[in-house]
Every structure is written in C-alpha cells, then in structure tokens.
Amino acid sequence: MSTDLFEHRAVISGIGQSAIARRLDRSGLQLTLDAILAAVADAGLTVDDIDGLAMFPGGGVANVPGYANGNLYEVQDALRITTRWRQGLVEGMALPFYGPAQAIATGQARHVVIWRTVKEGSAARAAGGRPAYGSTKPAAEGPQAWLLPIGMLSPVCQIAPFATRYMYEFGLTRAQLAWIPVTQRTSAAHNPDAVYRSPLTVDDYLAARMISSPLCLFDCDVPADGATAIVVSAVETARDLRAPVRIEAMAGVVDGRPAWDQWEDMGRVGYATAADLWARTALTPADVDTAQLYDGFSIEAVWWLEAMGFCGTGEAGDYIDGGKRIALGGELPLNTWGGQLSGGRLHAGFGHTAEAVRQLRGEAGARQVAGAEVAAVTNVGGIESGAALLTRW
C-alpha cells in the first residue's frame, strides 16, 4: 500500500444542493447555481476562490431530455470567475470528485466545484409519463440501434436480466430484496429533502406493479429535478475551510466489454474497483460506519454490498433480510438519506457523496449515524464503477 496517494492532497470542502422534488419550476441553470452557491458558502469560501469547474455529464448527451443541464460556459459566465481548470464529460472516472482531486493534486487548481443537475422529473412528465431515455435523433445510433427496436427504452430493461440471473444463482428472493427500498424509505422519513417520505412496507413492495421482471416500481430510482454541487480543495487550505472531509482512498476500474448488454455478469461490476480501493488503504470493511452505495436500482446496492466485502458473494439476501443490519442503528446504515430510491435520482454518486459528508461532519440531523468516522461511497453507470472511502477530518 502506497502512502503517497494523490487523493490525500485534496479534501472535500463543501456540499450544496438546490431544492429537490419530482418537478420544479426552475431552469437547469438556476438549479445549478443554487447548488454551487450553497456549496461554496458551505466550504467557507467565496465564488472568487473557485478556480476550477467540472460537471457531469458534459454537453455530449444534451440531446437526452432532462439529463444534462447548466453547461460549463453558462455557469462560468453566470459566476463571472476565471478558471484554470475545466472538465465536462460523461466517459470518465465514475466518481464525482476523482477528476477535481487529480487537478488539485497536480497543482492545476486549488478549489474546484463539480456539479450534477437533473430535470428528469419534468422531462418524464413532458414525455407523457414515459421514461425520458433514448434519443431525440431521427434514427437510433450505436448500441441504441440494437436496443430501441426491441423496446429496451430504459436502463431497467438492461439491468433486470442480470437481477434474474443473480436470483437464480444465489437464491435472493423478492421479499429479501424489498428490504433495500423499505429500509431506505424509513431513513428518508428523516430527510426533509427526500422526494418520498411516507412509509413503505414489504407488502407494499410485493404488491407494486412490475416494471421489468423481477424489478418492480420500488426497485427503481425516482426521476427528479435538482442539483448537487461539491467543492474539492487543496489539503493545505484545510485550516481556512469550515469543515473539510478527508479522501482516504478512491478507485475506478472498467474491466469488461464497455456495453451494458454485453457484460457476462453486471453483478460483478464493482469487484475490481473495490479490490483497488482496499489496496490503497489500511482500512477494512469492518471500519466503515455508513455505506452510501449506488442504488439506481435496488439490485445494484445488493451487488455493491458484496463487491465491497460487507458480506460474501451470494450472501447479501441473508445480510439485508429483515432490514436490521442496514437500518439506522444497525451495523452498516445504508443510504441514510433515502438513496435514489426515495431521496431522488440525483445520479452519478452526487447525492451519496453529499450524504457521506453530512454524516462525517455530524450534520445529518435525525438520521445521524452516531460517531461516524468512515463512510464508503460508490457509484456505477452500467459498466463504469467508482468507489471511495471518506473520513472525518
């Protein structure tokens, strides 16, 4: 294990979020600026301190309704700042703060703000309630040319076969899987910004309409409108910051064919990333106080529990059964803000990172994990995965 890691030269100094709801009457740029200004203030900085900007995704996917909002140049113009480093991309390391930390570690910037803004709730309504995926181009291109003609309009259609395989191979039942959304909804009740806060039971889950078997309505994250911003700063500025959080380790590996439908087993997508992560730290899974694991679909949280070593391969069903282990007050409180299943699809690990920072600062209110010192954060975008360990300053 190396002790000279680039991520140790950066800290997460600020987090900020706009209003979050199923639909908001504000533009993507307005939501973006709300989140950025909140994050900068949270760090104890001013806008003039920011010398780096990054967004996920870049403008290359702007044709997907509601998916990308507030581009780099709009934001820089609105903030009236000078930047030394900029990044806007969708095909990169699958962690919000990976690129900014690299820029800071190499001396290209001192304070970078990165954001993710979605208007997918509004876009879905404009599309008549249908998922706002696919393309607005007149003809499908690339992988979509093979997927759209057979009705695979949404990622859930591509994830579901892998969930079926996992259930067959390891015996996970839907009654066990239910404990991911049910437990996260219980946590969401303590989050005033969560999209859904009303109680959810296992019976409610089992009675819900199927979206793509074996995944039902409550297995899918909630399209929402909102923005999250994260400020990453040079470690030597820490004494001037309000409440920095350490980046102990992070990793991201793509080790299969870069296409969702061509993976042998998407349930193993996080294993190589997790192995790299643990190789960069002396910490172990037993040291983690709370896990903010990507949950675009409930089955992805199951896969991450196993990949990160919180339980063995094929053991997640028993691990989550009954919900006690992953609940607030349990041995590994999971997605304590409600995750994307109840808190809203803030996407790409941004909501998960914001919650990890709150927990480590002791600022999570009624959902605070007592004495939280180490938080795990993961993200997956199909075949791209990222994982990090954050620690209290």
Protein backbone atom coordinates (compact mmCIF):
# COMPACT_ATOMS: atom_id res chain seq x y z
CA MET A 1 0.00 0.00 0.00
CA SER A 2 1.40 3.38 -1.04
CA THR A 3 1.33 6.20 1.48
CA ASP A 4 1.80 8.86 -1.20
CA LEU A 5 -1.65 8.90 -2.77
CA PHE A 6 -2.79 11.80 -4.91
CA GLU A 7 -6.20 11.80 -3.24
CA HIS A 8 -4.56 12.75 0.07
CA ARG A 9 -3.62 16.11 -1.45
CA ALA A 10 -7.29 17.08 -1.73
CA VAL A 11 -10.27 17.33 0.61
CA ILE A 12 -13.99 17.68 0.10
CA SER A 13 -14.60 21.14 1.50
CA GLY A 14 -18.20 21.93 0.63
CA ILE A 15 -21.51 20.43 -0.46
CA GLY A 16 -24.64 22.18 -1.64
CA GLN A 17 -27.99 21.25 -3.09
CA SER A 18 -30.83 23.09 -4.73
CA ALA A 19 -34.42 22.33 -3.93
CA ILE A 20 -35.17 18.70 -4.87
CA ALA A 21 -38.60 17.50 -5.99
CA ARG A 22 -40.35 15.45 -8.62
CA ARG A 23 -40.84 18.64 -10.63
CA LEU A 24 -39.58 22.17 -10.07
CA ASP A 25 -40.42 25.36 -11.91
CA ARG A 26 -36.79 26.43 -12.24
CA SER A 27 -34.40 26.02 -15.14
CA GLY A 28 -31.45 23.66 -15.01
CA LEU A 29 -29.09 26.63 -14.87
CA GLN A 30 -30.97 28.16 -11.94
CA LEU A 31 -30.84 24.88 -10.03
CA THR A 32 -27.14 24.53 -10.81
CA LEU A 33 -26.33 27.99 -9.49
CA ASP A 34 -28.41 27.39 -6.35
CA ALA A 35 -26.35 24.29 -5.58
CA ILE A 36 -22.98 25.84 -6.43
CA LEU A 37 -23.51 28.95 -4.32
CA ALA A 38 -24.65 26.79 -1.40
CA ALA A 39 -21.59 24.52 -1.73
CA VAL A 40 -19.15 27.43 -1.89
CA ALA A 41 -20.70 29.02 1.19
CA ASP A 42 -20.68 25.65 2.96
CA ALA A 43 -16.93 25.40 2.37
CA GLY A 44 -16.37 28.83 3.90
CA LEU A 45 -15.18 30.21 0.56
CA THR A 46 -16.32 32.89 -1.85
CA VAL A 47 -17.03 32.47 -5.55
CA ASP A 48 -13.79 34.32 -6.30
CA ASP A 49 -11.85 31.49 -4.61
CA ILE A 50 -13.06 28.96 -7.19
CA ASP A 51 -10.54 28.38 -9.98
CA GLY A 52 -11.81 25.08 -11.38
CA LEU A 53 -15.16 23.94 -12.76
CA ALA A 54 -16.34 20.44 -13.62
CA MET A 55 -19.67 18.91 -14.48
CA PHE A 56 -21.12 15.50 -15.16
CA PRO A 57 -22.12 14.82 -17.81
CA GLY A 58 -20.71 17.11 -20.48
CA GLY A 59 -22.67 18.59 -23.34
CA GLY A 60 -22.33 15.45 -25.46
CA VAL A 61 -25.52 13.96 -24.03
CA ALA A 62 -27.56 17.15 -24.04
CA ASN A 63 -29.97 15.54 -26.52
CA VAL A 64 -31.29 13.27 -23.75
CA PRO A 65 -34.25 15.14 -22.20
CA GLY A 66 -33.66 16.31 -18.64
CA TYR A 67 -30.30 14.54 -18.35
CA ALA A 68 -27.79 17.40 -18.67
CA ASN A 69 -28.31 20.99 -17.54
CA GLY A 70 -26.14 24.03 -16.87
CA ASN A 71 -23.05 23.69 -19.06
CA LEU A 72 -19.55 24.86 -18.13
CA TYR A 73 -19.59 28.10 -20.05
CA GLU A 74 -23.08 29.12 -18.89
CA VAL A 75 -22.02 28.59 -15.30
CA GLN A 76 -18.68 30.34 -15.65
CA ASP A 77 -20.39 33.29 -17.30
CA ALA A 78 -23.01 33.46 -14.55
CA LEU A 79 -20.39 33.31 -11.79
CA ARG A 80 -18.04 35.79 -13.53
CA ILE A 81 -14.93 33.90 -12.47
CA THR A 82 -11.58 32.98 -14.00
CA THR A 83 -10.83 29.26 -14.23
CA ARG A 84 -7.51 27.45 -14.51
CA TRP A 85 -9.04 24.00 -15.00
CA ARG A 86 -12.31 22.76 -16.54
CA GLN A 87 -13.79 19.35 -17.24
CA GLY A 88 -17.10 18.26 -18.70
CA LEU A 89 -17.51 14.63 -19.65
CA VAL A 90 -19.60 11.50 -19.41
CA GLU A 91 -16.88 8.97 -20.25
CA GLY A 92 -14.52 9.29 -17.32
CA MET A 93 -13.85 8.01 -13.83
CA ALA A 94 -17.13 7.16 -12.16
CA LEU A 95 -16.72 9.33 -9.05
CA PRO A 96 -17.81 12.97 -8.80
CA PHE A 97 -14.60 14.18 -7.17
CA TYR A 98 -11.99 11.99 -8.93
CA GLY A 99 -11.08 14.45 -11.69
CA PRO A 100 -11.11 17.52 -9.41
CA ALA A 101 -8.84 15.72 -6.91
CA GLN A 102 -6.40 14.89 -9.71
CA ALA A 103 -6.40 18.51 -10.88
CA ILE A 104 -5.69 19.74 -7.37
CA ALA A 105 -3.02 17.10 -6.70
CA THR A 106 -1.14 18.19 -9.84
CA GLY A 107 -1.33 21.88 -8.99
CA GLN A 108 -3.76 22.86 -11.73
CA ALA A 109 -6.31 24.32 -9.30
CA ARG A 110 -6.88 24.98 -5.59
CA HIS A 111 -10.67 24.96 -5.31
CA VAL A 112 -12.80 23.07 -7.85
CA VAL A 113 -16.57 22.87 -7.85
CA ILE A 114 -18.25 19.98 -9.64
CA TRP A 115 -21.99 19.62 -10.09
CA ARG A 116 -24.70 17.33 -11.39
CA THR A 117 -28.06 18.76 -12.37
CA VAL A 118 -31.10 16.78 -13.46
CA LYS A 119 -34.52 17.75 -14.75
CA GLU A 120 -35.64 14.19 -15.36
CA GLY A 121 -38.83 14.54 -13.35
CA SER A 122 -40.04 17.37 -15.57
CA ALA A 123 -38.79 15.60 -18.69
CA ALA A 124 -40.71 12.43 -17.86
CA ARG A 125 -43.91 14.43 -17.42
CA ALA A 126 -43.35 16.19 -20.75
CA ALA A 127 -42.93 12.76 -22.36
CA GLY A 128 -46.37 11.71 -21.14
CA GLY A 129 -45.08 9.83 -18.11
CA ARG A 130 -42.80 7.61 -20.16
CA PRO A 131 -39.12 7.30 -19.22
CA ALA A 132 -37.14 10.16 -20.74
CA TYR A 133 -34.47 7.92 -22.17
CA GLY A 134 -33.46 7.04 -25.68
CA SER A 135 -32.52 9.75 -28.13
CA THR A 136 -34.12 12.72 -29.82
CA LYS A 137 -32.19 11.98 -33.01
CA PRO A 138 -34.29 10.86 -36.02
CA ALA A 139 -32.62 7.42 -36.05
CA ALA A 140 -31.06 5.37 -33.28
CA GLU A 141 -27.29 5.10 -33.41
CA GLY A 142 -24.64 2.93 -31.77
CA PRO A 143 -25.87 0.43 -29.16
CA GLN A 144 -29.35 2.02 -29.20
CA ALA A 145 -29.79 0.83 -32.78
CA TRP A 146 -29.99 -2.70 -31.36
CA LEU A 147 -31.87 -1.93 -28.15
CA LEU A 148 -34.64 0.51 -29.05
CA PRO A 149 -36.29 -1.70 -31.72
CA ILE A 150 -36.97 -4.38 -29.10
CA GLY A 151 -38.33 -1.92 -26.55
CA MET A 152 -35.29 -1.53 -24.28
CA LEU A 153 -36.00 2.15 -23.69
CA SER A 154 -34.72 2.33 -20.13
CA PRO A 155 -31.73 1.00 -18.17
CA VAL A 156 -34.12 -1.06 -16.03
CA CYS A 157 -34.70 -3.31 -19.03
CA GLN A 158 -30.98 -3.97 -19.25
CA ILE A 159 -30.42 -4.43 -15.50
CA ALA A 160 -33.37 -6.78 -14.97
CA PRO A 161 -31.88 -9.83 -16.76
CA PHE A 162 -28.79 -9.59 -14.55
CA ALA A 163 -31.04 -9.42 -11.48
CA THR A 164 -32.83 -12.56 -12.69
CA ARG A 165 -29.51 -14.32 -13.11
CA TYR A 166 -28.37 -13.32 -9.62
CA MET A 167 -31.63 -14.50 -8.05
CA TYR A 168 -31.37 -17.84 -9.83
CA GLU A 169 -27.72 -18.33 -8.92
CA PHE A 170 -27.83 -17.27 -5.27
CA GLY A 171 -31.45 -17.65 -4.21
CA LEU A 172 -32.23 -14.00 -3.47
CA THR A 173 -35.99 -13.57 -3.12
CA ARG A 174 -38.08 -10.50 -3.87
CA ALA A 175 -39.17 -10.48 -0.22
CA GLN A 176 -35.50 -10.10 0.73
CA LEU A 177 -34.75 -7.51 -1.97
CA ALA A 178 -37.69 -5.48 -0.65
CA TRP A 179 -35.66 -4.55 2.42
CA ILE A 180 -33.43 -2.24 0.38
CA PRO A 181 -36.25 0.17 -0.64
CA VAL A 182 -38.22 -0.38 2.57
CA THR A 183 -35.30 0.43 4.87
CA GLN A 184 -34.19 3.39 2.78
CA ARG A 185 -37.73 4.79 2.84
CA THR A 186 -37.63 4.63 6.64
CA SER A 187 -34.43 6.68 6.58
CA ALA A 188 -35.92 9.09 4.04
CA ALA A 189 -38.64 9.93 6.55
CA HIS A 190 -35.90 11.75 8.49
CA ASN A 191 -34.71 13.67 5.41
CA PRO A 192 -36.82 16.78 4.73
CA ASP A 193 -35.38 17.00 1.20
CA ALA A 194 -36.31 13.44 0.17
CA VAL A 195 -38.80 13.10 -2.68
CA TYR A 196 -40.71 10.28 -0.96
CA ARG A 197 -41.02 10.13 2.85
CA SER A 198 -44.23 8.21 3.51
CA PRO A 199 -43.93 4.69 4.99
CA LEU A 200 -43.30 1.72 2.69
CA THR A 201 -43.80 -1.90 3.74
CA VAL A 202 -42.69 -5.21 2.31
CA ASP A 203 -46.33 -5.91 1.42
CA ASP A 204 -46.50 -2.59 -0.46
CA TYR A 205 -43.38 -3.61 -2.35
CA LEU A 206 -44.66 -7.08 -3.28
CA ALA A 207 -47.97 -5.60 -4.49
CA ALA A 208 -46.33 -2.93 -6.66
CA ARG A 209 -46.53 -3.10 -10.44
CA MET A 210 -43.71 -4.80 -12.25
CA ILE A 211 -41.50 -2.57 -14.41
CA SER A 212 -39.12 -5.15 -15.86
CA SER A 213 -39.26 -8.50 -14.10
CA PRO A 214 -38.04 -9.12 -11.44
CA LEU A 215 -37.76 -5.37 -10.71
CA CYS A 216 -40.89 -3.50 -9.65
CA LEU A 217 -41.73 0.17 -9.22
CA PHE A 218 -39.98 0.46 -5.86
CA ASP A 219 -36.77 -1.10 -7.18
CA CYS A 220 -36.25 1.92 -9.46
CA ASP A 221 -34.85 5.30 -8.50
CA VAL A 222 -37.14 8.31 -8.64
CA PRO A 223 -36.80 10.77 -11.56
CA ALA A 224 -36.45 14.20 -10.00
CA ASP A 225 -35.44 17.80 -10.58
CA GLY A 226 -32.49 19.08 -8.58
CA ALA A 227 -28.79 19.84 -8.44
CA THR A 228 -25.90 18.83 -6.21
CA ALA A 229 -22.53 20.59 -6.09
CA ILE A 230 -19.32 19.50 -4.38
CA VAL A 231 -16.27 21.67 -3.71
CA VAL A 232 -12.88 19.92 -3.71
CA SER A 233 -9.95 21.88 -2.26
CA ALA A 234 -6.21 21.57 -1.78
CA VAL A 235 -5.37 19.96 1.55
CA GLU A 236 -3.08 22.83 2.53
CA THR A 237 -6.12 25.14 2.60
CA ALA A 238 -7.89 22.95 5.18
CA ARG A 239 -7.34 25.30 8.12
CA ASP A 240 -9.21 28.02 6.22
CA LEU A 241 -12.19 25.77 5.45
CA ARG A 242 -15.34 25.35 7.53
CA ALA A 243 -15.49 21.55 7.84
CA PRO A 244 -13.33 19.58 5.39
CA VAL A 245 -13.60 15.82 4.91
CA ARG A 246 -10.62 13.62 4.04
CA ILE A 247 -10.46 11.48 0.93
CA GLU A 248 -8.82 8.35 2.31
CA ALA A 249 -8.84 6.33 -0.92
CA MET A 250 -10.65 6.04 -4.23
CA ALA A 251 -10.60 3.81 -7.28
CA GLY A 252 -12.43 3.12 -10.53
CA VAL A 253 -11.98 0.15 -12.86
CA VAL A 254 -13.66 -0.84 -16.13
CA ASP A 255 -12.71 -4.45 -16.74
CA GLY A 256 -15.33 -5.78 -19.14
CA ARG A 257 -16.80 -5.01 -22.53
CA PRO A 258 -17.99 -1.39 -22.41
CA ALA A 259 -21.63 -2.15 -23.20
CA TRP A 260 -24.39 -2.91 -20.71
CA ASP A 261 -25.93 -5.72 -22.74
CA GLN A 262 -22.59 -7.43 -23.47
CA TRP A 263 -21.38 -7.91 -19.91
CA GLU A 264 -21.13 -11.50 -18.78
CA ASP A 265 -22.38 -10.54 -15.33
CA MET A 266 -23.10 -6.95 -14.32
CA GLY A 267 -23.40 -8.12 -10.73
CA ARG A 268 -19.59 -8.27 -10.64
CA VAL A 269 -19.05 -4.75 -11.99
CA GLY A 270 -17.73 -3.36 -8.69
CA TYR A 271 -15.36 -6.14 -7.69
CA ALA A 272 -12.19 -4.91 -9.41
CA THR A 273 -12.87 -1.35 -8.27
CA ALA A 274 -13.35 -2.47 -4.66
CA ALA A 275 -10.15 -4.52 -4.76
CA ASP A 276 -8.19 -1.49 -5.95
CA LEU A 277 -9.82 0.66 -3.28
CA TRP A 278 -8.92 -1.59 -0.36
CA ALA A 279 -5.37 -1.92 -1.73
CA ARG A 280 -4.96 1.86 -1.29
CA THR A 281 -5.78 1.96 2.42
CA ALA A 282 -5.12 0.24 5.73
CA LEU A 283 -8.85 0.42 6.49
CA THR A 284 -11.06 -2.64 6.10
CA PRO A 285 -14.80 -3.13 5.51
CA ALA A 286 -15.23 -3.54 9.28
CA ASP A 287 -14.04 0.06 9.77
CA VAL A 288 -16.89 1.56 7.71
CA ASP A 289 -19.58 3.26 9.80
CA THR A 290 -22.03 4.04 6.99
CA ALA A 291 -22.28 3.00 3.36
CA GLN A 292 -23.73 5.25 0.68
CA LEU A 293 -23.93 2.71 -2.14
CA TYR A 294 -25.25 3.48 -5.60
CA ASP A 295 -28.88 2.43 -5.95
CA GLY A 296 -30.11 3.37 -9.39
CA PHE A 297 -31.90 0.06 -8.90
CA SER A 298 -32.15 -1.82 -5.62
CA ILE A 299 -30.22 -4.79 -7.01
CA GLU A 300 -27.19 -2.54 -7.54
CA ALA A 301 -26.99 -1.86 -3.81
CA VAL A 302 -27.07 -5.63 -3.26
CA TRP A 303 -24.17 -6.09 -5.66
CA TRP A 304 -22.16 -3.31 -4.02
CA LEU A 305 -22.61 -4.81 -0.54
CA GLU A 306 -20.90 -7.93 -1.84
CA ALA A 307 -18.29 -6.25 -4.03
CA MET A 308 -17.14 -4.03 -1.16
CA GLY A 309 -16.77 -7.02 1.16
CA PHE A 310 -19.52 -6.13 3.62
CA CYS A 311 -20.79 -9.67 3.05
CA GLY A 312 -19.70 -12.57 0.87
CA THR A 313 -20.69 -13.17 -2.74
CA GLY A 314 -24.23 -14.51 -2.80
CA GLU A 315 -24.80 -13.64 0.87
CA ALA A 316 -26.50 -10.25 0.50
CA GLY A 317 -30.00 -11.72 0.65
CA ASP A 318 -29.43 -13.02 4.16
CA TYR A 319 -27.49 -9.87 5.09
CA ILE A 320 -30.34 -7.49 4.26
CA ASP A 321 -33.24 -9.76 5.28
CA GLY A 322 -35.32 -8.03 7.93
CA GLY A 323 -33.52 -4.73 7.36
CA LYS A 324 -31.88 -4.50 10.80
CA ARG A 325 -28.26 -4.59 9.67
CA ILE A 326 -28.70 -1.82 7.08
CA ALA A 327 -31.05 0.40 9.09
CA LEU A 328 -30.20 3.46 11.14
CA GLY A 329 -28.77 2.00 14.32
CA GLY A 330 -27.68 -1.18 12.52
CA GLU A 331 -24.15 -2.39 11.89
CA LEU A 332 -23.98 -0.76 8.44
CA PRO A 333 -26.53 2.03 7.94
CA LEU A 334 -27.18 2.09 4.19
CA ASN A 335 -28.10 5.13 2.09
CA THR A 336 -29.23 7.06 5.12
CA TRP A 337 -30.70 9.94 3.08
CA GLY A 338 -33.13 7.53 1.42
CA GLY A 339 -30.85 6.85 -1.53
CA GLN A 340 -32.04 7.44 -5.04
CA LEU A 341 -34.98 5.08 -4.45
CA SER A 342 -36.61 7.60 -2.07
CA GLY A 343 -34.36 10.66 -1.97
CA GLY A 344 -34.46 11.16 -5.73
CA ARG A 345 -32.29 10.30 -8.71
CA LEU A 346 -29.56 12.88 -8.19
CA HIS A 347 -27.33 10.50 -10.14
CA ALA A 348 -23.66 9.62 -10.52
CA GLY A 349 -22.96 9.36 -6.81
CA PHE A 350 -23.55 13.06 -6.10
CA GLY A 351 -26.38 12.54 -3.61
CA HIS A 352 -24.46 9.68 -1.99
CA THR A 353 -21.34 11.84 -1.61
CA ALA A 354 -23.30 14.73 -0.11
CA GLU A 355 -24.83 12.41 2.47
CA ALA A 356 -21.46 10.85 3.35
CA VAL A 357 -20.05 14.32 4.02
CA ARG A 358 -23.02 15.24 6.23
CA GLN A 359 -22.64 12.04 8.23
CA LEU A 360 -18.91 12.54 8.80
CA ARG A 361 -19.48 16.13 9.90
CA GLY A 362 -22.28 15.12 12.26
CA GLU A 363 -24.75 17.27 10.30
CA ALA A 364 -27.34 14.65 9.27
CA GLY A 365 -29.92 15.55 11.90
CA ALA A 366 -32.38 12.84 12.90
CA ARG A 367 -30.71 10.32 10.60
CA GLN A 368 -27.22 10.86 12.01
CA VAL A 369 -25.11 7.74 12.47
CA ALA A 370 -23.59 8.08 15.94
CA GLY A 371 -19.83 8.57 15.89
CA ALA A 372 -19.47 8.16 12.12
CA GLU A 373 -15.79 8.41 11.19
CA VAL A 374 -15.55 6.39 7.96
CA ALA A 375 -18.02 6.42 5.07
CA ALA A 376 -17.99 4.37 1.88
CA VAL A 377 -19.34 5.91 -1.32
CA THR A 378 -19.88 4.01 -4.56
CA ASN A 379 -21.20 4.83 -7.99
CA VAL A 380 -21.94 2.72 -11.04
CA GLY A 381 -23.03 3.71 -14.52
CA GLY A 382 -23.57 0.33 -16.07
CA ILE A 383 -20.05 -0.89 -16.70
CA GLU A 384 -18.30 2.12 -15.13
CA SER A 385 -17.79 1.95 -11.39
CA GLY A 386 -16.16 4.08 -8.75
CA ALA A 387 -15.67 3.76 -5.01
CA ALA A 388 -14.20 5.93 -2.27
CA LEU A 389 -13.59 5.99 1.44
CA LEU A 390 -14.12 9.33 3.15
CA THR A 391 -13.07 10.01 6.73
CA ARG A 392 -13.72 12.64 9.37
CA TRP A 393 -11.14 15.44 9.48
